[in-house]
PDB file of N, CA and C in Angstrom:
ATOM      1  N   MET A   1       0.879  -1.236  -0.053  1.00  0.00           N
ATOM      2  CA  MET A   1      -0.154  -0.152   0.140  1.00  0.00           C
ATOM      3  C   MET A   1       0.941   1.261  -0.168  1.00  0.00           C
ATOM      4  N   ARG A   2       2.186   1.434   0.123  1.00  0.00           N
ATOM      5  CA  ARG A   2       3.014   2.098   0.038  1.00  0.00           C
ATOM      6  C   ARG A   2       2.700   3.374  -1.032  1.00  0.00           C
ATOM      7  N   ASP A   3       2.745   2.466  -2.171  1.00  0.00           N
ATOM      8  CA  ASP A   3       2.822   3.297  -3.665  1.00  0.00           C
ATOM      9  C   ASP A   3       1.370   4.262  -3.304  1.00  0.00           C
ATOM     10  N   SER A   4       0.055   4.074  -2.626  1.00  0.00           N
ATOM     11  CA  SER A   4      -0.970   4.558  -2.385  1.00  0.00           C
ATOM     12  C   SER A   4      -0.844   6.134  -1.823  1.00  0.00           C
ATOM     13  N   PHE A   5       0.286   6.743  -1.510  1.00  0.00           N
ATOM     14  CA  PHE A   5       0.695   7.641  -1.163  1.00  0.00           C
ATOM     15  C   PHE A   5       1.210   8.293  -2.152  1.00  0.00           C
ATOM     16  N   VAL A   6       1.653   8.347  -3.266  1.00  0.00           N
ATOM     17  CA  VAL A   6       2.153   8.877  -4.608  1.00  0.00           C
ATOM     18  C   VAL A   6       1.637   9.980  -4.734  1.00  0.00           C
ATOM     19  N   VAL A   7       0.226   9.770  -5.055  1.00  0.00           N
ATOM     20  CA  VAL A   7      -0.910  11.162  -5.599  1.00  0.00           C
ATOM     21  C   VAL A   7      -1.800  11.277  -4.860  1.00  0.00           C
ATOM     22  N   PRO A   8      -2.230  12.470  -4.939  1.00  0.00           N
ATOM     23  CA  PRO A   8      -3.717  12.816  -4.158  1.00  0.00           C
ATOM     24  C   PRO A   8      -5.025  11.939  -4.761  1.00  0.00           C
ATOM     25  N   PHE A   9      -5.969  11.405  -4.084  1.00  0.00           N
ATOM     26  CA  PHE A   9      -6.815  11.132  -4.552  1.00  0.00           C
ATOM     27  C   PHE A   9      -8.298  11.599  -4.198  1.00  0.00           C
ATOM     28  N   THR A  10      -9.100  11.693  -5.277  1.00  0.00           N
ATOM     29  CA  THR A  10     -10.474  12.144  -4.779  1.00  0.00           C
ATOM     30  C   THR A  10     -11.255  11.606  -3.863  1.00  0.00           C
ATOM     31  N   ILE A  11     -12.124  12.152  -2.862  1.00  0.00           N
ATOM     32  CA  ILE A  11     -12.782  11.142  -1.777  1.00  0.00           C
ATOM     33  C   ILE A  11     -14.109  11.455  -2.711  1.00  0.00           C
ATOM     34  N   ILE A  12     -14.809  10.111  -2.686  1.00  0.00           N
ATOM     35  CA  ILE A  12     -16.129  10.271  -3.258  1.00  0.00           C
ATOM     36  C   ILE A  12     -17.153  10.318  -2.335  1.00  0.00           C
ATOM     37  N   LYS A  13     -16.913   9.543  -0.993  1.00  0.00           N
ATOM     38  CA  LYS A  13     -17.806   9.044  -0.087  1.00  0.00           C
ATOM     39  C   LYS A  13     -17.339   8.714   1.109  1.00  0.00           C
ATOM     40  N   LEU A  14     -17.941   9.057   2.224  1.00  0.00           N
ATOM     41  CA  LEU A  14     -17.272   8.604   3.564  1.00  0.00           C
ATOM     42  C   LEU A  14     -18.308   7.270   3.691  1.00  0.00           C
ATOM     43  N   VAL A  15     -17.726   5.727   3.971  1.00  0.00           N
ATOM     44  CA  VAL A  15     -18.500   4.750   3.937  1.00  0.00           C
ATOM     45  C   VAL A  15     -18.377   4.512   5.939  1.00  0.00           C
ATOM     46  N   GLU A  16     -19.588   4.685   6.023  1.00  0.00           N
ATOM     47  CA  GLU A  16     -19.868   4.182   7.414  1.00  0.00           C
ATOM     48  C   GLU A  16     -18.519   5.452   8.144  1.00  0.00           C
ATOM     49  N   LYS A  17     -18.452   5.121   9.365  1.00  0.00           N
ATOM     50  CA  LYS A  17     -17.600   6.202  10.287  1.00  0.00           C
ATOM     51  C   LYS A  17     -16.380   5.642  10.006  1.00  0.00           C
ATOM     52  N   ASN A  18     -15.951   4.430   9.622  1.00  0.00           N
ATOM     53  CA  ASN A  18     -14.375   4.500   9.722  1.00  0.00           C
ATOM     54  C   ASN A  18     -13.890   4.010   8.195  1.00  0.00           C
ATOM     55  N   ALA A  19     -14.461   4.171   7.224  1.00  0.00           N
ATOM     56  CA  ALA A  19     -14.029   3.781   6.018  1.00  0.00           C
ATOM     57  C   ALA A  19     -14.692   5.198   4.620  1.00  0.00           C
ATOM     58  N   VAL A  20     -13.362   5.378   3.851  1.00  0.00           N
ATOM     59  CA  VAL A  20     -13.640   6.318   2.919  1.00  0.00           C
ATOM     60  C   VAL A  20     -13.306   5.602   1.288  1.00  0.00           C
ATOM     61  N   GLU A  21     -14.304   6.134   0.532  1.00  0.00           N
ATOM     62  CA  GLU A  21     -14.304   5.663  -0.901  1.00  0.00           C
ATOM     63  C   GLU A  21     -13.343   6.578  -1.421  1.00  0.00           C
ATOM     64  N   PHE A  22     -12.212   6.160  -2.808  1.00  0.00           N
ATOM     65  CA  PHE A  22     -11.522   6.947  -3.584  1.00  0.00           C
ATOM     66  C   PHE A  22     -11.788   6.734  -4.810  1.00  0.00           C
ATOM     67  N   LYS A  23     -11.906   7.920  -5.723  1.00  0.00           N
ATOM     68  CA  LYS A  23     -11.783   7.883  -7.155  1.00  0.00           C
ATOM     69  C   LYS A  23     -10.294   7.385  -7.232  1.00  0.00           C
ATOM     70  N   LEU A  24     -10.363   6.231  -7.576  1.00  0.00           N
ATOM     71  CA  LEU A  24      -8.464   5.776  -7.911  1.00  0.00           C
ATOM     72  C   LEU A  24      -8.364   6.186  -9.448  1.00  0.00           C
ATOM     73  N   THR A  25      -6.943   6.432 -10.024  1.00  0.00           N
ATOM     74  CA  THR A  25      -6.611   6.499 -11.373  1.00  0.00           C
ATOM     75  C   THR A  25      -6.431   5.148 -11.977  1.00  0.00           C
ATOM     76  N   LYS A  26      -6.070   5.519 -13.020  1.00  0.00           N
ATOM     77  CA  LYS A  26      -5.998   3.947 -14.187  1.00  0.00           C
ATOM     78  C   LYS A  26      -4.927   3.139 -13.279  1.00  0.00           C
ATOM     79  N   GLU A  27      -3.919   3.614 -12.833  1.00  0.00           N
ATOM     80  CA  GLU A  27      -2.506   3.215 -12.345  1.00  0.00           C
ATOM     81  C   GLU A  27      -2.802   2.048 -10.964  1.00  0.00           C
ATOM     82  N   PHE A  28      -3.833   2.711 -10.501  1.00  0.00           N
ATOM     83  CA  PHE A  28      -4.221   1.841  -9.389  1.00  0.00           C
ATOM     84  C   PHE A  28      -6.044   1.212  -9.333  1.00  0.00           C
ATOM     85  N   SER A  29      -6.151   1.023 -10.393  1.00  0.00           N
ATOM     86  CA  SER A  29      -7.481   0.616 -10.933  1.00  0.00           C
ATOM     87  C   SER A  29      -7.453  -0.838 -10.197  1.00  0.00           C
ATOM     88  N   ARG A  30      -6.354  -1.711  -9.761  1.00  0.00           N
ATOM     89  CA  ARG A  30      -6.737  -3.028  -9.485  1.00  0.00           C
ATOM     90  C   ARG A  30      -6.760  -3.129  -7.556  1.00  0.00           C
ATOM     91  N   LYS A  31      -6.606  -1.841  -7.482  1.00  0.00           N
ATOM     92  CA  LYS A  31      -6.331  -2.023  -5.611  1.00  0.00           C
ATOM     93  C   LYS A  31      -8.317  -1.662  -5.383  1.00  0.00           C
ATOM     94  N   HIS A  32      -8.818  -2.061  -4.397  1.00  0.00           N
ATOM     95  CA  HIS A  32      -9.819  -1.754  -3.772  1.00  0.00           C
ATOM     96  C   HIS A  32      -9.988  -0.085  -3.328  1.00  0.00           C
ATOM     97  N   PRO A  33     -10.890   0.651  -3.946  1.00  0.00           N
ATOM     98  CA  PRO A  33     -11.259   1.803  -3.622  1.00  0.00           C
ATOM     99  C   PRO A  33     -11.326   1.965  -1.906  1.00  0.00           C
ATOM    100  N   ILE A  34     -12.039   1.289  -1.411  1.00  0.00           N
ATOM    101  CA  ILE A  34     -11.913   2.038  -0.213  1.00  0.00           C
ATOM    102  C   ILE A  34     -10.945   1.185   0.963  1.00  0.00           C
ATOM    103  N   PHE A  35     -10.767   2.510   1.633  1.00  0.00           N
ATOM    104  CA  PHE A  35      -9.504   2.684   2.711  1.00  0.00           C
ATOM    105  C   PHE A  35     -10.160   2.930   3.952  1.00  0.00           C
ATOM    106  N   PRO A  36      -9.555   2.453   4.848  1.00  0.00           N
ATOM    107  CA  PRO A  36     -10.157   2.500   6.659  1.00  0.00           C
ATOM    108  C   PRO A  36      -9.437   4.037   6.536  1.00  0.00           C
ATOM    109  N   VAL A  37     -10.157   4.927   7.331  1.00  0.00           N
ATOM    110  CA  VAL A  37      -9.743   6.624   7.892  1.00  0.00           C
ATOM    111  C   VAL A  37      -8.687   6.638   8.281  1.00  0.00           C
ATOM    112  N   SER A  38      -8.176   5.618   8.891  1.00  0.00           N
ATOM    113  CA  SER A  38      -6.682   5.752   9.801  1.00  0.00           C
ATOM    114  C   SER A  38      -5.758   5.990   8.661  1.00  0.00           C
ATOM    115  N   LEU A  39      -5.955   5.451   7.356  1.00  0.00           N
ATOM    116  CA  LEU A  39      -4.530   5.666   6.515  1.00  0.00           C
ATOM    117  C   LEU A  39      -4.756   6.702   5.729  1.00  0.00           C
ATOM    118  N   VAL A  40      -6.225   7.334   5.824  1.00  0.00           N
ATOM    119  CA  VAL A  40      -6.216   8.872   4.467  1.00  0.00           C
ATOM    120  C   VAL A  40      -5.106   9.689   5.754  1.00  0.00           C
ATOM    121  N   LYS A  41      -4.465  10.603   4.729  1.00  0.00           N
ATOM    122  CA  LYS A  41      -3.650  11.967   5.025  1.00  0.00           C
ATOM    123  C   LYS A  41      -3.920  12.746   4.216  1.00  0.00           C
ATOM    124  N   PRO A  42      -3.951  14.150   4.636  1.00  0.00           N
ATOM    125  CA  PRO A  42      -4.471  15.246   4.092  1.00  0.00           C
ATOM    126  C   PRO A  42      -3.179  15.320   2.703  1.00  0.00           C
ATOM    127  N   TYR A  43      -3.050  15.991   1.584  1.00  0.00           N
ATOM    128  CA  TYR A  43      -2.516  16.464   0.520  1.00  0.00           C
ATOM    129  C   TYR A  43      -2.023  17.881   0.724  1.00  0.00           C
ATOM    130  N   LEU A  44      -0.919  17.762   0.833  1.00  0.00           N
ATOM    131  CA  LEU A  44      -0.260  19.095   1.319  1.00  0.00           C
ATOM    132  C   LEU A  44       0.549  19.231   0.124  1.00  0.00           C
ATOM    133  N   GLN A  45       0.386  20.478  -0.638  1.00  0.00           N
ATOM    134  CA  GLN A  45       0.914  21.289  -2.229  1.00  0.00           C
ATOM    135  C   GLN A  45       2.617  21.180  -1.718  1.00  0.00           C
ATOM    136  N   THR A  46       3.172  21.147  -2.490  1.00  0.00           N
ATOM    137  CA  THR A  46       4.331  21.564  -2.355  1.00  0.00           C
ATOM    138  C   THR A  46       4.729  22.925  -3.215  1.00  0.00           C
ATOM    139  N   GLU A  47       5.931  23.058  -3.428  1.00  0.00           N
ATOM    140  CA  GLU A  47       6.369  24.150  -3.908  1.00  0.00           C
ATOM    141  C   GLU A  47       6.022  24.240  -5.549  1.00  0.00           C
ATOM    142  N   GLU A  48       6.363  23.202  -6.021  1.00  0.00           N
ATOM    143  CA  GLU A  48       6.490  22.973  -7.300  1.00  0.00           C
ATOM    144  C   GLU A  48       4.947  22.731  -7.974  1.00  0.00           C
ATOM    145  N   ASP A  49       3.965  22.327  -6.884  1.00  0.00           N
ATOM    146  CA  ASP A  49       2.541  22.216  -7.294  1.00  0.00           C
ATOM    147  C   ASP A  49       2.255  23.575  -7.306  1.00  0.00           C
ATOM    148  N   LYS A  50       2.335  24.320  -6.573  1.00  0.00           N
ATOM    149  CA  LYS A  50       1.607  25.784  -6.337  1.00  0.00           C
ATOM    150  C   LYS A  50       2.291  26.541  -7.134  1.00  0.00           C
ATOM    151  N   PHE A  51       3.458  26.498  -7.747  1.00  0.00           N
ATOM    152  CA  PHE A  51       3.963  27.203  -8.980  1.00  0.00           C
ATOM    153  C   PHE A  51       4.779  26.731  -9.891  1.00  0.00           C
ATOM    154  N   PRO A  52       3.891  25.703 -10.630  1.00  0.00           N
ATOM    155  CA  PRO A  52       4.867  25.431 -11.632  1.00  0.00           C
ATOM    156  C   PRO A  52       5.586  26.212 -12.486  1.00  0.00           C
ATOM    157  N   SER A  53       5.678  27.107 -12.693  1.00  0.00           N
ATOM    158  CA  SER A  53       6.509  27.470 -13.867  1.00  0.00           C
ATOM    159  C   SER A  53       7.742  28.125 -13.385  1.00  0.00           C
ATOM    160  N   ARG A  54       7.747  28.540 -11.970  1.00  0.00           N
ATOM    161  CA  ARG A  54       8.987  28.499 -11.316  1.00  0.00           C
ATOM    162  C   ARG A  54       9.995  27.633 -11.393  1.00  0.00           C
ATOM    163  N   LYS A  55      10.991  28.386 -11.693  1.00  0.00           N
ATOM    164  CA  LYS A  55      12.257  27.787 -11.859  1.00  0.00           C
ATOM    165  C   LYS A  55      12.878  27.237 -10.946  1.00  0.00           C
ATOM    166  N   ASN A  56      13.922  26.096 -10.820  1.00  0.00           N
ATOM    167  CA  ASN A  56      14.521  25.911  -9.183  1.00  0.00           C
ATOM    168  C   ASN A  56      15.797  26.607  -9.445  1.00  0.00           C
ATOM    169  N   PRO A  57      16.009  26.848  -7.972  1.00  0.00           N
ATOM    170  CA  PRO A  57      17.276  28.226  -7.552  1.00  0.00           C
ATOM    171  C   PRO A  57      18.570  27.185  -7.982  1.00  0.00           C
ATOM    172  N   PRO A  58      19.520  27.974  -8.768  1.00  0.00           N
ATOM    173  CA  PRO A  58      20.937  26.997  -9.120  1.00  0.00           C
ATOM    174  C   PRO A  58      21.460  26.467  -7.799  1.00  0.00           C
ATOM    175  N   PRO A  59      21.953  25.710  -8.191  1.00  0.00           N
ATOM    176  CA  PRO A  59      22.714  24.767  -6.684  1.00  0.00           C
ATOM    177  C   PRO A  59      23.963  25.977  -6.090  1.00  0.00           C
ATOM    178  N   PRO A  60      24.122  25.709  -4.805  1.00  0.00           N
ATOM    179  CA  PRO A  60      24.674  26.636  -4.045  1.00  0.00           C
ATOM    180  C   PRO A  60      26.292  26.411  -4.822  1.00  0.00           C
ATOM    181  N   GLU A  61      26.768  27.337  -4.425  1.00  0.00           N
ATOM    182  CA  GLU A  61      28.105  27.550  -4.762  1.00  0.00           C
ATOM    183  C   GLU A  61      29.172  27.042  -3.820  1.00  0.00           C
ATOM    184  N   ILE A  62      30.098  26.272  -4.731  1.00  0.00           N
ATOM    185  CA  ILE A  62      30.725  25.652  -4.020  1.00  0.00           C
ATOM    186  C   ILE A  62      32.091  26.314  -3.575  1.00  0.00           C
ATOM    187  N   VAL A  63      32.420  26.622  -2.373  1.00  0.00           N
ATOM    188  CA  VAL A  63      33.555  27.108  -1.584  1.00  0.00           C
ATOM    189  C   VAL A  63      34.499  26.290  -1.451  1.00  0.00           C
ATOM    190  N   VAL A  64      35.866  26.210  -1.936  1.00  0.00           N
ATOM    191  CA  VAL A  64      37.028  25.825  -2.017  1.00  0.00           C
ATOM    192  C   VAL A  64      37.914  26.258  -0.746  1.00  0.00           C
ATOM    193  N   VAL A  65      38.164  25.504   0.042  1.00  0.00           N
ATOM    194  CA  VAL A  65      38.847  26.064   1.360  1.00  0.00           C
ATOM    195  C   VAL A  65      40.509  25.676   1.303  1.00  0.00           C
ATOM    196  N   GLU A  66      41.069  27.001   1.658  1.00  0.00           N
ATOM    197  CA  GLU A  66      42.697  26.606   0.816  1.00  0.00           C
ATOM    198  C   GLU A  66      43.401  26.143   2.253  1.00  0.00           C
ATOM    199  N   ALA A  67      44.403  25.973   1.870  1.00  0.00           N
ATOM    200  CA  ALA A  67      45.443  25.475   3.239  1.00  0.00           C
ATOM    201  C   ALA A  67      45.474  26.646   3.623  1.00  0.00           C
ATOM    202  N   SER A  68      45.627  26.729   4.814  1.00  0.00           N
ATOM    203  CA  SER A  68      45.987  27.897   5.715  1.00  0.00           C
ATOM    204  C   SER A  68      47.311  28.234   5.480  1.00  0.00           C
ATOM    205  N   PRO A  69      47.914  29.360   5.541  1.00  0.00           N
ATOM    206  CA  PRO A  69      49.363  29.942   5.390  1.00  0.00           C
ATOM    207  C   PRO A  69      50.081  29.666   6.532  1.00  0.00           C
ATOM    208  N   GLY A  70      49.264  28.920   7.705  1.00  0.00           N
ATOM    209  CA  GLY A  70      50.201  29.204   9.110  1.00  0.00           C
ATOM    210  C   GLY A  70      49.245  28.868  10.041  1.00  0.00           C
ATOM    211  N   PRO A  71      49.868  28.987  11.419  1.00  0.00           N
ATOM    212  CA  PRO A  71      49.278  28.977  12.557  1.00  0.00           C
ATOM    213  C   PRO A  71      48.430  30.771  12.693  1.00  0.00           C
ATOM    214  N   VAL A  72      47.273  30.415  13.459  1.00  0.00           N
ATOM    215  CA  VAL A  72      46.332  31.362  13.800  1.00  0.00           C
ATOM    216  C   VAL A  72      46.678  32.530  14.601  1.00  0.00           C
ATOM    217  N   LYS A  73      46.836  33.486  14.346  1.00  0.00           N
ATOM    218  CA  LYS A  73      47.487  34.327  15.244  1.00  0.00           C
ATOM    219  C   LYS A  73      46.504  35.157  16.594  1.00  0.00           C
ATOM    220  N   LYS A  74      45.249  35.528  15.794  1.00  0.00           N
ATOM    221  CA  LYS A  74      44.098  35.927  16.577  1.00  0.00           C
ATOM    222  C   LYS A  74      42.638  35.695  15.555  1.00  0.00           C
ATOM    223  N   ILE A  75      41.627  35.625  16.437  1.00  0.00           N
ATOM    224  CA  ILE A  75      40.594  35.488  15.628  1.00  0.00           C
ATOM    225  C   ILE A  75      40.011  37.225  15.629  1.00  0.00           C
ATOM    226  N   ILE A  76      39.740  37.580  14.403  1.00  0.00           N
ATOM    227  CA  ILE A  76      39.302  39.133  14.358  1.00  0.00           C
ATOM    228  C   ILE A  76      37.702  39.425  14.478  1.00  0.00           C
ATOM    229  N   LYS A  77      36.971  38.600  13.892  1.00  0.00           N
ATOM    230  CA  LYS A  77      35.517  38.690  13.967  1.00  0.00           C
ATOM    231  C   LYS A  77      34.991  37.191  13.625  1.00  0.00           C
ATOM    232  N   ALA A  78      33.774  37.088  14.199  1.00  0.00           N
ATOM    233  CA  ALA A  78      32.893  35.658  14.076  1.00  0.00           C
ATOM    234  C   ALA A  78      31.620  35.985  13.933  1.00  0.00           C
ATOM    235  N   ARG A  79      31.550  35.136  13.210  1.00  0.00           N
ATOM    236  CA  ARG A  79      29.746  35.557  12.839  1.00  0.00           C
ATOM    237  C   ARG A  79      28.985  33.918  12.628  1.00  0.00           C
ATOM    238  N   LYS A  80      27.720  34.085  12.885  1.00  0.00           N
ATOM    239  CA  LYS A  80      26.817  32.701  12.652  1.00  0.00           C
ATOM    240  C   LYS A  80      25.562  32.733  11.384  1.00  0.00           C
ATOM    241  N   ILE A  81      26.124  31.688  10.609  1.00  0.00           N
ATOM    242  CA  ILE A  81      25.294  32.369   9.371  1.00  0.00           C
ATOM    243  C   ILE A  81      24.206  30.638   9.255  1.00  0.00           C
ATOM    244  N   ARG A  82      23.299  30.649   8.702  1.00  0.00           N
ATOM    245  CA  ARG A  82      22.344  29.596   8.064  1.00  0.00           C
ATOM    246  C   ARG A  82      22.742  29.189   6.660  1.00  0.00           C
ATOM    247  N   LEU A  83      23.325  27.917   6.458  1.00  0.00           N
ATOM    248  CA  LEU A  83      23.805  27.503   5.436  1.00  0.00           C
ATOM    249  C   LEU A  83      22.963  26.196   5.070  1.00  0.00           C
ATOM    250  N   ASN A  84      22.486  25.836   4.421  1.00  0.00           N
ATOM    251  CA  ASN A  84      21.972  24.439   4.060  1.00  0.00           C
ATOM    252  C   ASN A  84      21.289  24.083   5.280  1.00  0.00           C
ATOM    253  N   SER A  85      20.080  24.690   5.809  1.00  0.00           N
ATOM    254  CA  SER A  85      19.245  24.674   6.726  1.00  0.00           C
ATOM    255  C   SER A  85      20.156  24.000   8.226  1.00  0.00           C
ATOM    256  N   ARG A  86      21.468  24.540   7.922  1.00  0.00           N
ATOM    257  CA  ARG A  86      22.408  24.647   9.322  1.00  0.00           C
ATOM    258  C   ARG A  86      23.299  25.705   9.866  1.00  0.00           C
ATOM    259  N   ASP A  87      23.211  25.650  10.998  1.00  0.00           N
ATOM    260  CA  ASP A  87      23.785  27.039  11.458  1.00  0.00           C
ATOM    261  C   ASP A  87      25.368  26.410  11.249  1.00  0.00           C
ATOM    262  N   GLN A  88      26.115  27.310  10.740  1.00  0.00           N
ATOM    263  CA  GLN A  88      27.644  27.603  10.574  1.00  0.00           C
ATOM    264  C   GLN A  88      28.318  28.616  11.400  1.00  0.00           C
ATOM    265  N   ARG A  89      29.357  28.567  11.824  1.00  0.00           N
ATOM    266  CA  ARG A  89      30.041  30.187  12.463  1.00  0.00           C
ATOM    267  C   ARG A  89      31.425  30.042  11.294  1.00  0.00           C
ATOM    268  N   GLN A  90      31.602  31.297  10.843  1.00  0.00           N
ATOM    269  CA  GLN A  90      32.675  31.535  10.012  1.00  0.00           C
ATOM    270  C   GLN A  90      33.270  32.684  10.727  1.00  0.00           C
ATOM    271  N   TYR A  91      34.759  32.596  10.512  1.00  0.00           N
ATOM    272  CA  TYR A  91      35.942  33.376  11.589  1.00  0.00           C
ATOM    273  C   TYR A  91      36.440  34.043  10.562  1.00  0.00           C
ATOM    274  N   LEU A  92      36.749  35.679  10.683  1.00  0.00           N
ATOM    275  CA  LEU A  92      38.081  36.400   9.876  1.00  0.00           C
ATOM    276  C   LEU A  92      39.225  36.109  10.998  1.00  0.00           C
ATOM    277  N   VAL A  93      40.264  35.891  10.583  1.00  0.00           N
ATOM    278  CA  VAL A  93      41.228  35.509  11.165  1.00  0.00           C
ATOM    279  C   VAL A  93      42.597  36.032  10.900  1.00  0.00           C
ATOM    280  N   ARG A  94      43.596  36.397  11.552  1.00  0.00           N
ATOM    281  CA  ARG A  94      44.694  36.815  11.217  1.00  0.00           C
ATOM    282  C   ARG A  94      45.763  36.039  11.596  1.00  0.00           C
ATOM    283  N   PHE A  95      46.744  35.326  10.796  1.00  0.00           N
ATOM    284  CA  PHE A  95      47.968  34.823  10.589  1.00  0.00           C
ATOM    285  C   PHE A  95      48.837  35.257  11.127  1.00  0.00           C
ATOM    286  N   LYS A  96      49.672  34.353  11.861  1.00  0.00           N
ATOM    287  CA  LYS A  96      51.103  34.813  12.041  1.00  0.00           C
ATOM    288  C   LYS A  96      51.849  35.191  10.715  1.00  0.00           C
ATOM    289  N   ASN A  97      53.032  36.123  10.896  1.00  0.00           N
ATOM    290  CA  ASN A  97      53.551  36.527  10.176  1.00  0.00           C
ATOM    291  C   ASN A  97      52.871  36.979   8.608  1.00  0.00           C
ATOM    292  N   GLN A  98      51.565  37.493   8.936  1.00  0.00           N
ATOM    293  CA  GLN A  98      51.019  37.945   8.180  1.00  0.00           C
ATOM    294  C   GLN A  98      50.586  39.051   8.064  1.00  0.00           C
ATOM    295  N   THR A  99      50.210  40.353   7.231  1.00  0.00           N
ATOM    296  CA  THR A  99      49.734  41.201   7.521  1.00  0.00           C
ATOM    297  C   THR A  99      48.177  41.684   7.221  1.00  0.00           C
ATOM    298  N   ALA A 100      47.569  42.652   7.760  1.00  0.00           N
ATOM    299  CA  ALA A 100      46.196  42.869   8.018  1.00  0.00           C
ATOM    300  C   ALA A 100      45.476  43.059   6.508  1.00  0.00           C
ATOM    301  N   ASN A 101      46.343  43.152   5.464  1.00  0.00           N
ATOM    302  CA  ASN A 101      45.477  42.768   3.913  1.00  0.00           C
ATOM    303  C   ASN A 101      45.599  41.730   3.515  1.00  0.00           C
ATOM    304  N   LYS A 102      46.306  40.575   4.478  1.00  0.00           N
ATOM    305  CA  LYS A 102      45.659  39.098   4.383  1.00  0.00           C
ATOM    306  C   LYS A 102      45.255  38.222   4.884  1.00  0.00           C
ATOM    307  N   ASP A 103      44.378  39.048   5.952  1.00  0.00           N
ATOM    308  CA  ASP A 103      43.273  38.353   7.107  1.00  0.00           C
ATOM    309  C   ASP A 103      41.991  37.682   5.765  1.00  0.00           C
ATOM    310  N   LYS A 104      42.031  36.294   6.486  1.00  0.00           N
ATOM    311  CA  LYS A 104      40.897  35.637   5.814  1.00  0.00           C
ATOM    312  C   LYS A 104      39.762  34.774   6.460  1.00  0.00           C
TER     313      LYS A 104
END
């Protein structure tokens, strides 16, 4: 029955208190159209369903981390950002034997 949750189906009628009759599509024609209410889930539209002409955003930019030029002398700034649904910290650091214009 797992494939039954693939597409939304139209409810034809409520059969008794604990069963629902659905209008099934052709690919599900061999299944019985009456299901227990406990298996029924509400259909939630996805962004693609709501806005079919909207194009997907380009994939995120790949950040290449360079090899560090040596040990860190001090952390100048720190910030927390949200990237790919996760909190991440970024640091602006000064390396030993480096000038301020080479801060990364």
